[in-house]
Amino acid sequence: MSSGDLNIAELMTQFHEQGYLLLPNVLPEAKVERLNAAVDEIVAEEPDALAHNIYNSVERHGEIASLIDEPTILPLIVNLLGFNIQLHISHLTIRKPNPQDLKTESQSFINWHQDGPHPQFPSMNGITSTYYIKTCYILSDMSEPDRGNTKIIPGSHNKPFHPDHQDVRNSVRGELQVCGKPGDVFIFAQNLWHAGAPNRSDFTRRQLFLGYSPIWMRPIDYRIASEKLLRDATPIRKQLLGVIDDNPFKYYVPQESMVPLKELYLGAAGNGGYAH
């Protein structure tokens, strides 16, 4: 798939209504294989556990860092959030089979929540705005439920809503499990109610989350991007790593030359020509 295969205006409408998108066959099989080989290397350096939650995963392997500016997805993210954005988080999650639903320190399953800080983002009339968006690269066969899939409540980002209970092990009205194959990408708003279901299958879940936010928000992965990540970075990747100017004020009011992602921006309606 290429970015030209995406109907961005149509996908924007769907995202604003439902709070999520599931895009099939974004990554080719060879890319998925390279990413899984990178994950193998990373996990080999970790203590054995039922589950792994590895933050700042772009720092751990160049193959994962290559997804920072993944060209298929990036134009869509720019048009959902605007062009003054950065990488906010990179989070690798692995959940081995756990038929007994054992609760572990590394979070074999995660109860219902909206992402954000504590105390939470401001809300009005029970609704929290979308502050950042996550892309989830599916790296294992998640085509069936109960494989540690992400659970969501479609549309719960844009109306007053709270799950009947927090426990992900029991069903909640309106829930669905996001099912996909290796190479598919799941995109969702941070204010969409979601949870990490237990893995009651024989498959190990592998999902890689890269989140994007306005550049004036503090990223979760690091205070300042490392020299390793910045080495040989293109102007677009430098922007996504939060490097646009030495003057912090420019994070709020950047000059056009500081935000090369504007080249991918279609305008508020998502149906115009590329802005130059």
C-alpha atoms as a PDB file:
ATOM      1  CA  MET A   1       0.000   0.000   0.000  1.00  0.00           C
ATOM      2  CA  SER A   2       1.083   3.578  -0.617  1.00  0.00           C
ATOM      3  CA  SER A   3      -0.264   6.860   0.755  1.00  0.00           C
ATOM      4  CA  GLY A   4      -1.897   7.431  -2.634  1.00  0.00           C
ATOM      5  CA  ASP A   5      -4.126   4.425  -1.970  1.00  0.00           C
ATOM      6  CA  LEU A   6      -5.740   6.183   1.004  1.00  0.00           C
ATOM      7  CA  ASN A   7      -8.818   8.357   0.606  1.00  0.00           C
ATOM      8  CA  ILE A   8      -7.760  10.809   3.286  1.00  0.00           C
ATOM      9  CA  ALA A   9     -10.953  12.878   3.309  1.00  0.00           C
ATOM     10  CA  GLU A  10     -13.105   9.767   3.715  1.00  0.00           C
ATOM     11  CA  LEU A  11     -10.830   8.324   6.409  1.00  0.00           C
ATOM     12  CA  MET A  12     -10.866  11.618   8.317  1.00  0.00           C
ATOM     13  CA  THR A  13     -14.667  11.578   8.405  1.00  0.00           C
ATOM     14  CA  GLN A  14     -14.691   7.981   9.633  1.00  0.00           C
ATOM     15  CA  PHE A  15     -12.051   8.746  12.274  1.00  0.00           C
ATOM     16  CA  HIS A  16     -13.891  11.772  13.633  1.00  0.00           C
ATOM     17  CA  GLU A  17     -17.115   9.736  13.889  1.00  0.00           C
ATOM     18  CA  GLN A  18     -15.726   6.466  15.264  1.00  0.00           C
ATOM     19  CA  GLY A  19     -12.429   7.490  16.886  1.00  0.00           C
ATOM     20  CA  TYR A  20     -10.444   4.777  15.129  1.00  0.00           C
ATOM     21  CA  LEU A  21      -9.430   3.292  11.783  1.00  0.00           C
ATOM     22  CA  LEU A  22      -8.216  -0.166  10.764  1.00  0.00           C
ATOM     23  CA  LEU A  23      -6.124  -0.103   7.591  1.00  0.00           C
ATOM     24  CA  PRO A  24      -5.255  -3.465   5.986  1.00  0.00           C
ATOM     25  CA  ASN A  25      -1.966  -4.410   4.322  1.00  0.00           C
ATOM     26  CA  VAL A  26      -0.084  -1.206   5.120  1.00  0.00           C
ATOM     27  CA  LEU A  27       3.292  -2.905   5.591  1.00  0.00           C
ATOM     28  CA  PRO A  28       4.605  -5.515   3.132  1.00  0.00           C
ATOM     29  CA  GLU A  29       5.475  -8.975   4.422  1.00  0.00           C
ATOM     30  CA  ALA A  30       9.228  -8.329   4.168  1.00  0.00           C
ATOM     31  CA  LYS A  31       8.939  -5.242   6.376  1.00  0.00           C
ATOM     32  CA  VAL A  32       6.922  -7.161   8.968  1.00  0.00           C
ATOM     33  CA  GLU A  33       9.592  -9.862   8.998  1.00  0.00           C
ATOM     34  CA  ARG A  34      12.336  -7.280   9.595  1.00  0.00           C
ATOM     35  CA  LEU A  35      10.339  -5.679  12.393  1.00  0.00           C
ATOM     36  CA  ASN A  36       9.756  -9.037  14.068  1.00  0.00           C
ATOM     37  CA  ALA A  37      13.471  -9.815  13.812  1.00  0.00           C
ATOM     38  CA  ALA A  38      14.133  -6.474  15.544  1.00  0.00           C
ATOM     39  CA  VAL A  39      11.608  -7.360  18.243  1.00  0.00           C
ATOM     40  CA  ASP A  40      13.369 -10.702  18.748  1.00  0.00           C
ATOM     41  CA  GLU A  41      16.643  -8.848  19.364  1.00  0.00           C
ATOM     42  CA  ILE A  42      15.017  -6.482  21.838  1.00  0.00           C
ATOM     43  CA  VAL A  43      13.209  -9.204  23.780  1.00  0.00           C
ATOM     44  CA  ALA A  44      16.420 -11.234  24.024  1.00  0.00           C
ATOM     45  CA  GLU A  45      17.820  -8.385  26.132  1.00  0.00           C
ATOM     46  CA  GLU A  46      14.844  -8.365  28.518  1.00  0.00           C
ATOM     47  CA  PRO A  47      14.081 -10.620  31.509  1.00  0.00           C
ATOM     48  CA  ASP A  48      11.682 -13.433  30.667  1.00  0.00           C
ATOM     49  CA  ALA A  49       8.076 -12.433  31.377  1.00  0.00           C
ATOM     50  CA  LEU A  50       4.498 -13.136  30.331  1.00  0.00           C
ATOM     51  CA  ALA A  51       4.267  -9.604  28.981  1.00  0.00           C
ATOM     52  CA  HIS A  52       6.606  -6.811  27.904  1.00  0.00           C
ATOM     53  CA  ASN A  53       5.860  -3.086  27.708  1.00  0.00           C
ATOM     54  CA  ILE A  54       8.897  -1.386  26.168  1.00  0.00           C
ATOM     55  CA  TYR A  55       8.767   2.394  25.843  1.00  0.00           C
ATOM     56  CA  ASN A  56      11.012   4.546  23.644  1.00  0.00           C
ATOM     57  CA  SER A  57      11.277   1.520  21.385  1.00  0.00           C
ATOM     58  CA  VAL A  58      12.492   3.691  18.475  1.00  0.00           C
ATOM     59  CA  GLU A  59      15.732   4.040  20.447  1.00  0.00           C
ATOM     60  CA  ARG A  60      16.111   0.270  20.688  1.00  0.00           C
ATOM     61  CA  HIS A  61      16.338  -0.576  16.983  1.00  0.00           C
ATOM     62  CA  GLY A  62      16.690   1.256  13.671  1.00  0.00           C
ATOM     63  CA  GLU A  63      13.997  -0.893  12.052  1.00  0.00           C
ATOM     64  CA  ILE A  64      11.473   0.424  14.550  1.00  0.00           C
ATOM     65  CA  ALA A  65      12.798   3.988  14.166  1.00  0.00           C
ATOM     66  CA  SER A  66      12.100   3.714  10.432  1.00  0.00           C
ATOM     67  CA  LEU A  67       8.379   3.849  11.224  1.00  0.00           C
ATOM     68  CA  ILE A  68       8.629   7.364  12.700  1.00  0.00           C
ATOM     69  CA  ASP A  69       7.951   8.846   9.262  1.00  0.00           C
ATOM     70  CA  GLU A  70       6.301   5.817   7.614  1.00  0.00           C
ATOM     71  CA  PRO A  71       5.217   7.360   4.261  1.00  0.00           C
ATOM     72  CA  THR A  72       1.991   5.385   3.924  1.00  0.00           C
ATOM     73  CA  ILE A  73       0.557   6.602   7.218  1.00  0.00           C
ATOM     74  CA  LEU A  74       2.176   9.991   7.762  1.00  0.00           C
ATOM     75  CA  PRO A  75      -0.041  12.079   5.413  1.00  0.00           C
ATOM     76  CA  LEU A  76      -3.133  10.759   7.188  1.00  0.00           C
ATOM     77  CA  ILE A  77      -1.730  11.602  10.633  1.00  0.00           C
ATOM     78  CA  VAL A  78      -0.769  15.102   9.473  1.00  0.00           C
ATOM     79  CA  ASN A  79      -4.292  15.723   8.236  1.00  0.00           C
ATOM     80  CA  LEU A  80      -5.888  14.394  11.405  1.00  0.00           C
ATOM     81  CA  LEU A  81      -3.686  16.398  13.806  1.00  0.00           C
ATOM     82  CA  GLY A  82      -2.262  19.243  11.726  1.00  0.00           C
ATOM     83  CA  PHE A  83       1.308  19.722  10.549  1.00  0.00           C
ATOM     84  CA  ASN A  84       2.879  21.139  13.747  1.00  0.00           C
ATOM     85  CA  ILE A  85       3.350  17.671  15.271  1.00  0.00           C
ATOM     86  CA  GLN A  86       5.974  15.331  16.695  1.00  0.00           C
ATOM     87  CA  LEU A  87       6.456  11.740  17.762  1.00  0.00           C
ATOM     88  CA  HIS A  88       4.910  11.487  21.227  1.00  0.00           C
ATOM     89  CA  ILE A  89       5.502   7.855  22.204  1.00  0.00           C
ATOM     90  CA  SER A  90       6.809   4.556  20.817  1.00  0.00           C
ATOM     91  CA  HIS A  91       5.602   1.582  22.797  1.00  0.00           C
ATOM     92  CA  LEU A  92       6.198  -2.087  22.020  1.00  0.00           C
ATOM     93  CA  THR A  93       3.759  -4.498  23.678  1.00  0.00           C
ATOM     94  CA  ILE A  94       4.147  -8.266  23.783  1.00  0.00           C
ATOM     95  CA  ARG A  95       1.685 -10.562  25.546  1.00  0.00           C
ATOM     96  CA  LYS A  96       2.319 -14.292  25.658  1.00  0.00           C
ATOM     97  CA  PRO A  97      -0.523 -16.805  26.059  1.00  0.00           C
ATOM     98  CA  ASN A  98      -2.072 -16.387  29.502  1.00  0.00           C
ATOM     99  CA  PRO A  99      -5.183 -18.583  29.692  1.00  0.00           C
ATOM    100  CA  GLN A 100      -5.413 -18.143  33.479  1.00  0.00           C
ATOM    101  CA  ASP A 101      -5.556 -14.330  33.177  1.00  0.00           C
ATOM    102  CA  LEU A 102      -2.602 -13.962  35.542  1.00  0.00           C
ATOM    103  CA  LYS A 103      -2.064 -10.337  36.496  1.00  0.00           C
ATOM    104  CA  THR A 104       1.603  -9.383  36.154  1.00  0.00           C
ATOM    105  CA  GLU A 105       3.660  -6.279  36.876  1.00  0.00           C
ATOM    106  CA  SER A 106       4.262  -5.999  33.131  1.00  0.00           C
ATOM    107  CA  GLN A 107       0.514  -5.811  32.495  1.00  0.00           C
ATOM    108  CA  SER A 108      -0.654  -8.987  30.797  1.00  0.00           C
ATOM    109  CA  PHE A 109      -3.943  -7.133  30.341  1.00  0.00           C
ATOM    110  CA  ILE A 110      -5.028  -3.533  30.868  1.00  0.00           C
ATOM    111  CA  ASN A 111      -8.443  -2.371  32.078  1.00  0.00           C
ATOM    112  CA  TRP A 112     -10.635   0.222  30.377  1.00  0.00           C
ATOM    113  CA  HIS A 113      -9.172   3.723  30.168  1.00  0.00           C
ATOM    114  CA  GLN A 114      -8.552   6.808  28.075  1.00  0.00           C
ATOM    115  CA  ASP A 115      -4.892   7.713  27.556  1.00  0.00           C
ATOM    116  CA  GLY A 116      -3.511  10.842  29.111  1.00  0.00           C
ATOM    117  CA  PRO A 117      -1.907  12.318  32.207  1.00  0.00           C
ATOM    118  CA  HIS A 118      -3.036  12.146  35.819  1.00  0.00           C
ATOM    119  CA  PRO A 119      -4.982  14.194  36.605  1.00  0.00           C
ATOM    120  CA  GLN A 120      -6.589  13.737  33.217  1.00  0.00           C
ATOM    121  CA  PHE A 121      -6.795  16.120  30.272  1.00  0.00           C
ATOM    122  CA  PRO A 122      -9.427  18.850  30.723  1.00  0.00           C
ATOM    123  CA  SER A 123     -12.942  17.875  29.675  1.00  0.00           C
ATOM    124  CA  MET A 124     -16.126  19.815  28.952  1.00  0.00           C
ATOM    125  CA  ASN A 125     -19.573  18.339  29.522  1.00  0.00           C
ATOM    126  CA  GLY A 126     -17.950  14.943  30.025  1.00  0.00           C
ATOM    127  CA  ILE A 127     -16.029  15.009  26.739  1.00  0.00           C
ATOM    128  CA  THR A 128     -12.239  15.082  26.469  1.00  0.00           C
ATOM    129  CA  SER A 129     -10.679  16.501  23.310  1.00  0.00           C
ATOM    130  CA  THR A 130      -8.296  14.577  21.090  1.00  0.00           C
ATOM    131  CA  TYR A 131      -4.796  15.628  22.122  1.00  0.00           C
ATOM    132  CA  TYR A 132      -2.821  12.900  20.404  1.00  0.00           C
ATOM    133  CA  ILE A 133      -3.269   9.922  18.104  1.00  0.00           C
ATOM    134  CA  LYS A 134      -1.699   6.472  18.220  1.00  0.00           C
ATOM    135  CA  THR A 135      -0.839   4.216  15.306  1.00  0.00           C
ATOM    136  CA  CYS A 136      -0.634   0.510  16.136  1.00  0.00           C
ATOM    137  CA  TYR A 137       1.383  -1.717  13.790  1.00  0.00           C
ATOM    138  CA  ILE A 138       0.113  -5.278  14.130  1.00  0.00           C
ATOM    139  CA  LEU A 139       3.075  -7.677  13.952  1.00  0.00           C
ATOM    140  CA  SER A 140       1.445 -10.989  14.904  1.00  0.00           C
ATOM    141  CA  ASP A 141      -1.707 -12.784  13.803  1.00  0.00           C
ATOM    142  CA  MET A 142      -4.470 -10.902  15.630  1.00  0.00           C
ATOM    143  CA  SER A 143      -7.169 -11.930  13.159  1.00  0.00           C
ATOM    144  CA  GLU A 144      -9.234 -13.615  15.889  1.00  0.00           C
ATOM    145  CA  PRO A 145     -10.414 -12.238  19.256  1.00  0.00           C
ATOM    146  CA  ASP A 146      -8.974 -13.199  22.662  1.00  0.00           C
ATOM    147  CA  ARG A 147      -5.381 -13.057  21.454  1.00  0.00           C
ATOM    148  CA  GLY A 148      -4.576 -10.067  23.636  1.00  0.00           C
ATOM    149  CA  ASN A 149      -6.369  -7.761  21.185  1.00  0.00           C
ATOM    150  CA  THR A 150      -7.074  -4.134  21.908  1.00  0.00           C
ATOM    151  CA  LYS A 151     -10.692  -3.605  22.922  1.00  0.00           C
ATOM    152  CA  ILE A 152     -12.434  -0.351  21.986  1.00  0.00           C
ATOM    153  CA  ILE A 153     -15.812   1.384  22.261  1.00  0.00           C
ATOM    154  CA  PRO A 154     -16.364   2.995  18.834  1.00  0.00           C
ATOM    155  CA  GLY A 155     -17.524   6.609  19.086  1.00  0.00           C
ATOM    156  CA  SER A 156     -16.755   6.867  22.801  1.00  0.00           C
ATOM    157  CA  HIS A 157     -14.304   9.721  22.179  1.00  0.00           C
ATOM    158  CA  ASN A 158     -16.895  12.293  21.208  1.00  0.00           C
ATOM    159  CA  LYS A 159     -19.731  11.820  23.697  1.00  0.00           C
ATOM    160  CA  PRO A 160     -20.090  11.596  27.484  1.00  0.00           C
ATOM    161  CA  PHE A 161     -19.289   7.973  28.179  1.00  0.00           C
ATOM    162  CA  HIS A 162     -17.913   5.715  30.864  1.00  0.00           C
ATOM    163  CA  PRO A 163     -17.740   1.898  30.730  1.00  0.00           C
ATOM    164  CA  ASP A 164     -20.157  -0.061  32.901  1.00  0.00           C
ATOM    165  CA  HIS A 165     -17.075  -1.291  34.800  1.00  0.00           C
ATOM    166  CA  GLN A 166     -13.293  -1.091  34.408  1.00  0.00           C
ATOM    167  CA  ASP A 167     -12.480  -4.826  34.275  1.00  0.00           C
ATOM    168  CA  VAL A 168     -11.414  -5.784  30.739  1.00  0.00           C
ATOM    169  CA  ARG A 169     -12.038  -9.473  31.468  1.00  0.00           C
ATOM    170  CA  ASN A 170     -15.792  -8.884  31.334  1.00  0.00           C
ATOM    171  CA  SER A 171     -17.796  -7.517  28.417  1.00  0.00           C
ATOM    172  CA  VAL A 172     -18.807  -3.850  28.213  1.00  0.00           C
ATOM    173  CA  ARG A 173     -21.756  -2.593  26.174  1.00  0.00           C
ATOM    174  CA  GLY A 174     -20.690  -1.570  22.687  1.00  0.00           C
ATOM    175  CA  GLU A 175     -17.203  -3.086  22.866  1.00  0.00           C
ATOM    176  CA  LEU A 176     -15.336  -4.741  20.017  1.00  0.00           C
ATOM    177  CA  GLN A 177     -11.955  -6.381  19.763  1.00  0.00           C
ATOM    178  CA  VAL A 178      -9.705  -4.992  17.021  1.00  0.00           C
ATOM    179  CA  CYS A 179      -8.701  -7.932  14.827  1.00  0.00           C
ATOM    180  CA  GLY A 180      -6.037  -7.710  12.156  1.00  0.00           C
ATOM    181  CA  LYS A 181      -3.231  -9.511  10.403  1.00  0.00           C
ATOM    182  CA  PRO A 182       0.511  -8.750  10.403  1.00  0.00           C
ATOM    183  CA  GLY A 183       1.057  -5.563   8.418  1.00  0.00           C
ATOM    184  CA  ASP A 184      -2.318  -4.046   9.250  1.00  0.00           C
ATOM    185  CA  VAL A 185      -2.400  -0.734  11.111  1.00  0.00           C
ATOM    186  CA  PHE A 186      -4.917   0.338  13.744  1.00  0.00           C
ATOM    187  CA  ILE A 187      -5.174   4.093  14.409  1.00  0.00           C
ATOM    188  CA  PHE A 188      -7.058   5.583  17.351  1.00  0.00           C
ATOM    189  CA  ALA A 189      -7.538   8.766  19.331  1.00  0.00           C
ATOM    190  CA  GLN A 190      -6.150   8.937  22.867  1.00  0.00           C
ATOM    191  CA  ASN A 191      -9.610   9.838  24.216  1.00  0.00           C
ATOM    192  CA  LEU A 192     -11.247   6.704  22.755  1.00  0.00           C
ATOM    193  CA  TRP A 193     -12.103   4.295  25.565  1.00  0.00           C
ATOM    194  CA  HIS A 194      -9.935   1.200  25.097  1.00  0.00           C
ATOM    195  CA  ALA A 195      -8.355  -1.709  26.953  1.00  0.00           C
ATOM    196  CA  GLY A 196      -5.839  -4.527  26.468  1.00  0.00           C
ATOM    197  CA  ALA A 197      -7.678  -7.849  26.539  1.00  0.00           C
ATOM    198  CA  PRO A 198      -6.189 -10.992  28.116  1.00  0.00           C
ATOM    199  CA  ASN A 199      -4.468 -13.425  25.770  1.00  0.00           C
ATOM    200  CA  ARG A 200      -6.372 -16.709  26.058  1.00  0.00           C
ATOM    201  CA  SER A 201      -5.013 -18.133  22.797  1.00  0.00           C
ATOM    202  CA  ASP A 202      -1.922 -20.063  21.729  1.00  0.00           C
ATOM    203  CA  PHE A 203      -0.538 -16.996  19.922  1.00  0.00           C
ATOM    204  CA  THR A 204       1.834 -14.345  21.271  1.00  0.00           C
ATOM    205  CA  ARG A 205       0.552 -10.822  20.707  1.00  0.00           C
ATOM    206  CA  ARG A 206       2.999  -8.319  19.185  1.00  0.00           C
ATOM    207  CA  GLN A 207       1.838  -4.747  18.631  1.00  0.00           C
ATOM    208  CA  LEU A 208       3.939  -1.639  18.158  1.00  0.00           C
ATOM    209  CA  PHE A 209       2.404   1.736  19.003  1.00  0.00           C
ATOM    210  CA  LEU A 210       3.746   5.033  17.668  1.00  0.00           C
ATOM    211  CA  GLY A 211       1.836   8.074  18.898  1.00  0.00           C
ATOM    212  CA  TYR A 212       1.863  11.627  17.549  1.00  0.00           C
ATOM    213  CA  SER A 213       0.981  14.879  19.303  1.00  0.00           C
ATOM    214  CA  PRO A 214       1.303  18.642  18.820  1.00  0.00           C
ATOM    215  CA  ILE A 215       4.952  19.609  19.048  1.00  0.00           C
ATOM    216  CA  TRP A 216       4.277  21.873  22.044  1.00  0.00           C
ATOM    217  CA  MET A 217       3.372  18.837  24.198  1.00  0.00           C
ATOM    218  CA  ARG A 218       6.150  17.094  26.110  1.00  0.00           C
ATOM    219  CA  PRO A 219       6.852  13.684  24.547  1.00  0.00           C
ATOM    220  CA  ILE A 220       6.699  10.567  26.701  1.00  0.00           C
ATOM    221  CA  ASP A 221       9.735   8.806  25.228  1.00  0.00           C
ATOM    222  CA  TYR A 222      12.437  11.361  26.038  1.00  0.00           C
ATOM    223  CA  ARG A 223      13.090  14.947  27.059  1.00  0.00           C
ATOM    224  CA  ILE A 224      15.286  15.568  24.008  1.00  0.00           C
ATOM    225  CA  ALA A 225      15.785  13.133  21.132  1.00  0.00           C
ATOM    226  CA  SER A 226      19.154  11.379  21.223  1.00  0.00           C
ATOM    227  CA  GLU A 227      22.012  11.993  18.801  1.00  0.00           C
ATOM    228  CA  LYS A 228      21.517   8.409  17.660  1.00  0.00           C
ATOM    229  CA  LEU A 229      17.965   9.154  16.510  1.00  0.00           C
ATOM    230  CA  LEU A 230      18.926  12.488  14.960  1.00  0.00           C
ATOM    231  CA  ARG A 231      21.921  11.162  13.025  1.00  0.00           C
ATOM    232  CA  ASP A 232      21.270  11.463   9.273  1.00  0.00           C
ATOM    233  CA  ALA A 233      17.615  12.407   9.959  1.00  0.00           C
ATOM    234  CA  THR A 234      15.702  14.087   7.145  1.00  0.00           C
ATOM    235  CA  PRO A 235      14.054  17.478   7.830  1.00  0.00           C
ATOM    236  CA  ILE A 236      10.699  15.727   8.297  1.00  0.00           C
ATOM    237  CA  ARG A 237      12.118  13.216  10.761  1.00  0.00           C
ATOM    238  CA  LYS A 238      13.909  16.008  12.648  1.00  0.00           C
ATOM    239  CA  GLN A 239      10.571  17.778  13.048  1.00  0.00           C
ATOM    240  CA  LEU A 240       8.958  14.550  14.256  1.00  0.00           C
ATOM    241  CA  LEU A 241      11.780  14.202  16.780  1.00  0.00           C
ATOM    242  CA  GLY A 242      10.951  17.678  18.095  1.00  0.00           C
ATOM    243  CA  VAL A 243      13.883  19.558  16.589  1.00  0.00           C
ATOM    244  CA  ILE A 244      12.690  22.696  14.834  1.00  0.00           C
ATOM    245  CA  ASP A 245      14.427  25.651  16.550  1.00  0.00           C
ATOM    246  CA  ASP A 246      16.450  26.622  19.613  1.00  0.00           C
ATOM    247  CA  ASN A 247      13.753  29.110  20.626  1.00  0.00           C
ATOM    248  CA  PRO A 248      10.981  27.274  22.549  1.00  0.00           C
ATOM    249  CA  PHE A 249       8.460  29.921  21.492  1.00  0.00           C
ATOM    250  CA  LYS A 250       8.714  28.550  17.952  1.00  0.00           C
ATOM    251  CA  TYR A 251       7.131  25.302  19.133  1.00  0.00           C
ATOM    252  CA  TYR A 252       3.915  27.306  19.470  1.00  0.00           C
ATOM    253  CA  VAL A 253       4.334  29.661  16.504  1.00  0.00           C
ATOM    254  CA  PRO A 254       6.756  28.049  14.047  1.00  0.00           C
ATOM    255  CA  GLN A 255       7.942  29.619  10.858  1.00  0.00           C
ATOM    256  CA  GLU A 256       6.859  27.695   7.783  1.00  0.00           C
ATOM    257  CA  SER A 257      10.419  26.529   7.083  1.00  0.00           C
ATOM    258  CA  MET A 258      10.477  24.792  10.493  1.00  0.00           C
ATOM    259  CA  VAL A 259       7.547  22.486   9.754  1.00  0.00           C
ATOM    260  CA  PRO A 260       8.240  20.596   6.511  1.00  0.00           C
ATOM    261  CA  LEU A 261       5.229  18.371   7.284  1.00  0.00           C
ATOM    262  CA  LYS A 262       3.053  21.203   5.971  1.00  0.00           C
ATOM    263  CA  GLU A 263       3.811  19.768   2.530  1.00  0.00           C
ATOM    264  CA  LEU A 264       1.521  16.856   3.405  1.00  0.00           C
ATOM    265  CA  TYR A 265      -1.344  18.956   4.730  1.00  0.00           C
ATOM    266  CA  LEU A 266      -4.532  19.039   2.660  1.00  0.00           C
ATOM    267  CA  GLY A 267      -6.339  21.728   4.624  1.00  0.00           C
ATOM    268  CA  ALA A 268      -9.086  21.629   7.224  1.00  0.00           C
ATOM    269  CA  ALA A 269     -11.552  19.757   4.991  1.00  0.00           C
ATOM    270  CA  GLY A 270      -8.988  17.186   3.896  1.00  0.00           C
ATOM    271  CA  ASN A 271     -10.114  17.502   0.296  1.00  0.00           C
ATOM    272  CA  GLY A 272      -7.964  20.241  -1.198  1.00  0.00           C
ATOM    273  CA  GLY A 273      -4.595  20.155  -2.909  1.00  0.00           C
ATOM    274  CA  TYR A 274      -1.389  19.763  -0.975  1.00  0.00           C
ATOM    275  CA  ALA A 275      -0.313  22.993   0.680  1.00  0.00           C
ATOM    276  CA  HIS A 276       3.027  24.490  -0.396  1.00  0.00           C
END
